[in-house]
Each structure stands twice: as structure tokens, then as C-alpha cells.
Amino acid sequence: MITHIDVSMVLRRRVCELYSDLVTRSTGAAVRAAIESQLQGSGSRTLVVMDFTKVGLLDFSCADEVVAKLLIRYCAEDTSAQERYFLFRGLDEHLDAIEQVLEHHGLALVAEDHEELTRLVGVVEESERLAWEVLRDGPRRRADRVAEELQIPATEASRLLEQLHRRRLCIRLEDGYRSVGGRLS
């Protein structure tokens, strides 16, 4: 299942109809609560596309409330009953605040640019990044294929893929792994 969340629309419905800036911690907390409420009704495995394209300003406290706390809740904790994967769009204007918040919490996310190219943002080991890029650049892959492409032992590839999955940067499927941003099926 794919759920698209236009963060500016959530802000307008939750705070003020004419407001497009995410500033103050209380505003961020209100927006996050509305997003969490929306996610409660989604399926057991959901790709959540968080679209920040129409958000004017995003300060550090809102980046912490909306981005970091959502990632901590759904990606850093064991939420195996409800797998949530996040793809963030429209972050270009907000990267300073988001990168600092991610670094502070040791988190990472998948960001999509205006050309629909994805990349990792935040705290990621180089070996994780390389494994993720193998997934991003092709169809779903098994650990042995990732090991072959990276020229590393299969056990190391399996460890990296599971680490990426725990951080919800890739999706584990019955027949391999797929980067976030790809199809769930």
C-alpha cells in the first residue's frame, strides 16, 4: 500500500488554512499527530510518501517533531506488525534543518528529488550506502547478488541488507530486497 501525505495540506488543515510554514515545536507536534493518525488506518506494510514540496519554511524544531520523531517511531523501533517505509519529496529547501536533526538522532532517510532520483540523507555508513545503491540501481536483489556486485562475502551483504531493512531504508520481500521508492510488490 502507498500513502501520499502532502505535509503542507496537513499543516493547513491542522493549524491554519493560509499557513505554509512549519515553525515552532507545537506546530510540528500537531502536524506529526495528524500524520500518525492518518497512518493508523494504513495496511500492515505501507510506503509513506512525505511531500514537503509546498512547505515554505521548516525550522529545526519542526524538522525534529515531524521528520525525526516519525522516523524514530516507525523506523528505529521494532514495529514488525506494521512496517512503515518513508520516501521524502521536496526537501531541497529544507535540507539544512533536516540533516542536522538526522545527525543528532543518528537517523537516515530516503529522499527523492524533482527528477524522481533517490538518495540517502543522514547518518549512513559507507558500506550501507553502497549496498543501498545496488538496490536502488536495479530490481529487487537477493543478498548473494548484492555480495557479487560489491565483491564482499555473502554474510556481510546479508548483514548490510538486514541493517538497511531495520532502519527502513530498504524493503525486505520474500525473494529479496528493494530500495525504498520502488514498488512494494
Protein backbone atom coordinates (compact mmCIF):
# COMPACT_ATOMS: atom_id res chain seq x y z
CA MET A 1 0.00 0.00 0.00
CA ILE A 2 1.20 3.54 -0.76
CA THR A 3 0.06 6.52 1.28
CA HIS A 4 0.79 10.03 -0.02
CA ILE A 5 0.93 12.80 2.58
CA ASP A 6 1.13 16.41 1.43
CA VAL A 7 2.66 17.95 4.56
CA SER A 8 1.54 21.47 3.62
CA MET A 9 -2.08 20.27 3.40
CA VAL A 10 -1.81 18.60 6.80
CA LEU A 11 -0.42 21.86 8.18
CA ARG A 12 -3.24 23.91 6.65
CA ARG A 13 -5.95 21.56 7.94
CA ARG A 14 -4.42 21.18 11.40
CA VAL A 15 -3.09 24.70 12.13
CA CYS A 16 -4.27 27.40 9.72
CA GLU A 17 -5.68 27.33 6.21
CA LEU A 18 -3.39 30.14 4.98
CA TYR A 19 -0.24 28.87 6.67
CA SER A 20 2.55 27.12 4.74
CA ASP A 21 5.49 27.41 7.17
CA LEU A 22 6.40 24.70 9.64
CA VAL A 23 7.78 26.69 12.56
CA THR A 24 7.55 26.16 16.34
CA ARG A 25 7.67 22.83 18.10
CA SER A 26 3.94 22.90 18.90
CA THR A 27 3.08 23.29 15.20
CA GLY A 28 5.36 20.38 14.34
CA ALA A 29 3.83 18.22 17.08
CA ALA A 30 0.31 18.98 15.79
CA VAL A 31 1.29 18.07 12.21
CA ARG A 32 3.04 14.86 13.35
CA ALA A 33 -0.01 13.83 15.41
CA ALA A 34 -2.25 14.31 12.35
CA ILE A 35 0.14 12.25 10.20
CA GLU A 36 0.30 9.48 12.82
CA SER A 37 -3.48 9.43 12.96
CA GLN A 38 -3.64 9.06 9.18
CA LEU A 39 -1.11 6.22 9.27
CA GLN A 40 -3.13 4.23 11.80
CA GLY A 41 -5.59 3.28 9.09
CA SER A 42 -2.98 2.13 6.58
CA GLY A 43 -2.08 -1.50 5.91
CA SER A 44 0.48 -3.74 7.57
CA ARG A 45 3.17 -2.75 5.01
CA THR A 46 2.99 0.81 3.76
CA LEU A 47 5.21 3.11 1.75
CA VAL A 48 4.57 6.62 3.05
CA VAL A 49 5.44 9.38 0.59
CA MET A 50 6.00 12.53 2.64
CA ASP A 51 5.77 15.52 0.30
CA PHE A 52 7.33 18.77 1.58
CA THR A 53 7.22 20.48 -1.84
CA LYS A 54 4.71 23.17 -0.81
CA VAL A 55 6.10 23.80 2.68
CA GLY A 56 7.55 27.33 2.86
CA LEU A 57 9.89 27.27 5.85
CA LEU A 58 10.90 24.37 8.05
CA ASP A 59 12.72 25.20 11.26
CA PHE A 60 14.83 22.83 13.34
CA SER A 61 12.15 22.18 15.97
CA CYS A 62 9.59 21.18 13.32
CA ALA A 63 12.15 19.05 11.49
CA ASP A 64 12.71 17.28 14.80
CA GLU A 65 8.98 16.91 15.53
CA VAL A 66 7.81 15.88 12.07
CA VAL A 67 10.76 14.08 10.48
CA ALA A 68 12.88 12.69 13.33
CA LYS A 69 10.05 11.62 15.61
CA LEU A 70 8.21 9.87 12.77
CA LEU A 71 11.40 8.03 11.80
CA ILE A 72 12.14 7.11 15.40
CA ARG A 73 8.63 5.79 15.91
CA TYR A 74 8.30 3.81 12.71
CA CYS A 75 11.87 3.08 11.62
CA ALA A 76 14.11 2.92 14.66
CA GLU A 77 11.72 0.99 16.92
CA ASP A 78 10.66 -2.62 16.38
CA THR A 79 7.36 -2.18 14.55
CA SER A 80 7.27 -5.51 12.75
CA ALA A 81 3.48 -5.73 12.97
CA GLN A 82 3.17 -2.52 10.94
CA GLU A 83 6.02 -1.90 8.55
CA ARG A 84 6.25 1.75 7.55
CA TYR A 85 8.74 2.91 4.94
CA PHE A 86 9.20 6.60 4.20
CA LEU A 87 10.12 8.36 0.98
CA PHE A 88 10.60 12.12 1.36
CA ARG A 89 9.97 14.56 -1.50
CA GLY A 90 10.61 18.29 -1.78
CA LEU A 91 13.40 18.50 0.79
CA ASP A 92 15.81 20.67 -1.20
CA GLU A 93 14.91 23.92 0.60
CA HIS A 94 14.84 22.19 3.98
CA LEU A 95 17.99 20.06 3.93
CA ASP A 96 19.97 22.12 6.45
CA ALA A 97 17.43 21.64 9.22
CA ILE A 98 16.68 18.02 8.32
CA GLU A 99 20.32 16.94 8.04
CA GLN A 100 21.16 18.43 11.44
CA VAL A 101 18.20 16.69 13.05
CA LEU A 102 19.07 13.36 11.40
CA GLU A 103 22.68 13.65 12.54
CA HIS A 104 21.62 14.49 16.09
CA HIS A 105 19.48 11.33 16.28
CA GLY A 106 21.73 9.07 14.15
CA LEU A 107 18.96 8.62 11.58
CA ALA A 108 18.78 8.41 7.80
CA LEU A 109 16.03 8.71 5.22
CA VAL A 110 15.42 8.23 1.52
CA ALA A 111 14.90 11.49 -0.37
CA GLU A 112 13.55 11.86 -3.90
CA ASP A 113 14.44 14.91 -5.98
CA HIS A 114 12.34 16.64 -8.65
CA GLU A 115 13.64 14.18 -11.28
CA GLU A 116 12.49 11.23 -9.12
CA LEU A 117 16.08 10.18 -8.35
CA THR A 118 16.52 8.84 -4.84
CA ARG A 119 19.41 9.19 -2.41
CA LEU A 120 20.16 8.61 1.23
CA VAL A 121 20.29 11.60 3.57
CA GLY A 122 21.56 11.47 7.13
CA VAL A 123 23.81 9.14 9.08
CA VAL A 124 24.78 6.14 6.95
CA GLU A 125 27.93 4.03 6.92
CA GLU A 126 29.68 3.91 3.54
CA SER A 127 29.09 0.14 3.30
CA GLU A 128 25.36 0.68 3.91
CA ARG A 129 25.28 3.38 1.23
CA LEU A 130 26.97 1.14 -1.31
CA ALA A 131 24.58 -1.76 -0.62
CA TRP A 132 21.59 0.59 -0.81
CA GLU A 133 22.82 1.99 -4.14
CA VAL A 134 22.96 -1.54 -5.58
CA LEU A 135 19.30 -1.93 -4.62
CA ARG A 136 18.38 1.50 -5.95
CA ASP A 137 20.00 0.92 -9.31
CA GLY A 138 18.26 -2.35 -10.12
CA PRO A 139 15.31 -4.61 -9.50
CA ARG A 140 14.86 -6.41 -6.21
CA ARG A 141 18.02 -8.22 -5.25
CA ARG A 142 18.98 -11.15 -3.07
CA ALA A 143 21.94 -10.88 -0.71
CA ASP A 144 24.13 -13.10 -2.90
CA ARG A 145 23.63 -10.74 -5.87
CA VAL A 146 24.50 -7.69 -3.72
CA ALA A 147 27.59 -9.54 -2.45
CA GLU A 148 28.64 -10.27 -6.01
CA GLU A 149 28.20 -6.67 -7.14
CA LEU A 150 30.05 -5.24 -4.13
CA GLN A 151 32.64 -8.03 -4.12
CA ILE A 152 32.07 -8.80 -0.44
CA PRO A 153 31.19 -12.03 1.40
CA ALA A 154 27.52 -13.05 1.23
CA THR A 155 27.29 -12.94 5.04
CA GLU A 156 28.39 -9.30 5.01
CA ALA A 157 25.86 -8.46 2.29
CA SER A 158 23.10 -10.14 4.33
CA ARG A 159 24.11 -8.17 7.42
CA LEU A 160 24.08 -4.88 5.50
CA LEU A 161 20.69 -5.57 3.92
CA GLU A 162 19.15 -6.50 7.25
CA GLN A 163 20.62 -3.36 8.79
CA LEU A 164 19.11 -1.27 5.99
CA HIS A 165 15.79 -3.05 6.49
CA ARG A 166 15.79 -2.41 10.26
CA ARG A 167 16.37 1.26 9.50
CA ARG A 168 13.53 1.07 6.91
CA LEU A 169 15.82 2.21 4.09
CA CYS A 170 15.01 -0.89 2.07
CA ILE A 171 12.09 -3.27 1.92
CA ARG A 172 12.53 -6.99 2.60
CA LEU A 173 10.40 -9.12 0.30
CA GLU A 174 10.02 -12.90 0.02
CA ASP A 175 12.52 -13.11 -2.83
CA GLY A 176 14.97 -10.34 -1.95
CA TYR A 177 15.25 -6.67 -1.09
CA ARG A 178 14.16 -3.49 -2.83
CA SER A 179 15.13 0.09 -2.13
CA VAL A 180 12.51 2.39 -0.70
CA GLY A 181 10.94 4.23 -3.60
CA GLY A 182 10.46 1.05 -5.62
CA ARG A 183 7.26 -0.95 -5.84
CA LEU A 184 6.22 -2.98 -2.80
CA SER A 185 5.11 -5.98 -4.85
